[in-house]
Amino acid sequence: MISWCWGLALTVAGIAGVWLVAGRFQKVGWALLCLGQGLWIAYALLTKQLGFIPGVIGYALVYARNYLRCPNSMAIDIGITESISEIGTLESPSTMDVSVGLEPAVESA
């Protein structure tokens, strides 16, 4: 019974997080995915499968980073002209800040 409950809890947390991030464009999905890693740590400790822990830490770091870098309403401009009232306003590629980490070009005289 316990293993069935763990499997269900881990599956629901993972699917809900991915659905919120990929399907609904909601930042809270990253938080749910990050918090869901706590379930994996508990599972690893209770079942003495400590090999899960390094992977869990890696996933949690990626999810936390994405949560912190993600705007409240995520959207990607892929050229589809359908209603986006639920996910916010898309930013056109010409107005997006793509200079992160790039040095300005120096013109030679």
Protein backbone atom coordinates (compact mmCIF):
# COMPACT_ATOMS: atom_id res chain seq x y z
CA MET A 1 0.00 0.00 0.00
CA ILE A 2 2.74 2.46 0.93
CA SER A 3 4.67 2.00 -2.34
CA TRP A 4 1.44 2.56 -4.32
CA CYS A 5 0.77 5.81 -2.42
CA TRP A 6 4.34 7.03 -3.00
CA GLY A 7 4.10 6.30 -6.70
CA LEU A 8 0.81 8.16 -6.94
CA ALA A 9 2.05 11.19 -4.97
CA LEU A 10 5.26 11.47 -7.01
CA THR A 11 3.37 11.08 -10.29
CA VAL A 12 0.68 13.65 -9.42
CA ALA A 13 3.25 16.23 -8.27
CA GLY A 14 5.35 15.78 -11.41
CA ILE A 15 2.48 15.83 -13.88
CA ALA A 16 0.81 18.82 -12.21
CA GLY A 17 4.05 20.80 -12.28
CA VAL A 18 4.77 20.04 -15.91
CA TRP A 19 1.15 20.79 -16.86
CA LEU A 20 1.35 24.19 -15.17
CA VAL A 21 4.70 25.06 -16.76
CA ALA A 22 4.31 23.68 -20.27
CA GLY A 23 0.56 23.61 -20.72
CA ARG A 24 -0.61 26.65 -18.77
CA PHE A 25 2.49 28.89 -18.82
CA GLN A 26 2.32 29.48 -15.06
CA LYS A 27 5.33 30.22 -12.88
CA VAL A 28 3.83 28.30 -9.98
CA GLY A 29 4.55 25.11 -11.93
CA TRP A 30 8.30 25.57 -11.36
CA ALA A 31 7.65 26.00 -7.63
CA LEU A 32 5.53 22.83 -7.54
CA LEU A 33 8.21 20.87 -9.40
CA CYS A 34 10.88 22.16 -7.01
CA LEU A 35 8.85 21.34 -3.92
CA GLY A 36 8.00 17.93 -5.37
CA GLN A 37 11.67 17.06 -5.10
CA GLY A 38 11.13 16.97 -1.33
CA LEU A 39 8.87 13.95 -1.92
CA TRP A 40 11.67 12.26 -3.85
CA ILE A 41 14.13 12.90 -0.99
CA ALA A 42 11.68 11.43 1.52
CA TYR A 43 11.11 8.43 -0.75
CA ALA A 44 14.86 7.90 -1.20
CA LEU A 45 15.47 8.05 2.55
CA LEU A 46 12.53 5.82 3.51
CA THR A 47 13.40 3.18 0.96
CA LYS A 48 17.17 3.53 1.51
CA GLN A 49 17.69 4.28 -2.18
CA LEU A 50 20.20 7.05 -1.64
CA GLY A 51 21.21 7.05 -5.29
CA PHE A 52 18.14 9.20 -5.99
CA ILE A 53 19.44 12.11 -3.89
CA PRO A 54 22.09 13.56 -6.26
CA GLY A 55 19.56 13.59 -9.12
CA VAL A 56 16.92 15.14 -6.90
CA ILE A 57 19.29 17.92 -5.90
CA GLY A 58 20.14 18.55 -9.55
CA TYR A 59 16.48 18.72 -10.59
CA ALA A 60 15.64 20.97 -7.63
CA LEU A 61 18.42 23.41 -8.57
CA VAL A 62 17.23 23.59 -12.18
CA TYR A 63 13.59 24.06 -11.14
CA ALA A 64 14.51 26.73 -8.57
CA ARG A 65 16.63 28.59 -11.16
CA ASN A 66 13.81 28.49 -13.68
CA TYR A 67 11.33 29.69 -11.05
CA LEU A 68 13.54 32.68 -10.21
CA ARG A 69 14.20 33.59 -13.85
CA CYS A 70 10.65 33.05 -15.07
CA PRO A 71 8.28 36.01 -15.49
CA ASN A 72 4.90 35.73 -13.80
CA SER A 73 3.27 35.06 -17.14
CA MET A 74 5.50 33.05 -19.44
CA ALA A 75 4.93 32.95 -23.16
CA ILE A 76 6.94 32.20 -26.25
CA ASP A 77 6.31 34.00 -29.51
CA ILE A 78 6.01 31.21 -32.04
CA GLY A 79 4.02 33.12 -34.63
CA ILE A 80 0.63 31.67 -33.76
CA THR A 81 -2.12 34.28 -33.78
CA GLU A 82 -4.58 32.70 -31.41
CA SER A 83 -6.14 34.19 -28.30
CA ILE A 84 -3.68 34.43 -25.42
CA SER A 85 -5.85 36.14 -22.85
CA GLU A 86 -5.09 33.48 -20.23
CA ILE A 87 -1.31 33.67 -20.49
CA GLY A 88 -0.64 37.36 -20.90
CA THR A 89 0.95 39.40 -23.61
CA LEU A 90 3.60 38.03 -25.92
CA GLU A 91 6.66 40.13 -26.44
CA SER A 92 7.75 40.38 -30.07
CA PRO A 93 11.29 39.22 -30.80
CA SER A 94 12.29 42.74 -31.87
CA THR A 95 11.58 44.10 -28.38
CA MET A 96 12.96 41.22 -26.36
CA ASP A 97 16.21 41.79 -24.45
CA VAL A 98 18.59 39.31 -26.00
CA SER A 99 21.76 41.02 -24.84
CA VAL A 100 22.09 39.07 -21.61
CA GLY A 101 25.68 37.98 -21.25
CA LEU A 102 26.80 39.62 -24.47
CA GLU A 103 29.36 42.38 -24.64
CA PRO A 104 28.50 45.40 -26.86
CA ALA A 105 30.26 45.43 -30.20
CA VAL A 106 33.17 47.84 -30.41
CA GLU A 107 33.35 49.68 -33.69
CA SER A 108 36.78 50.30 -35.12
CA ALA A 109 37.59 53.82 -36.26
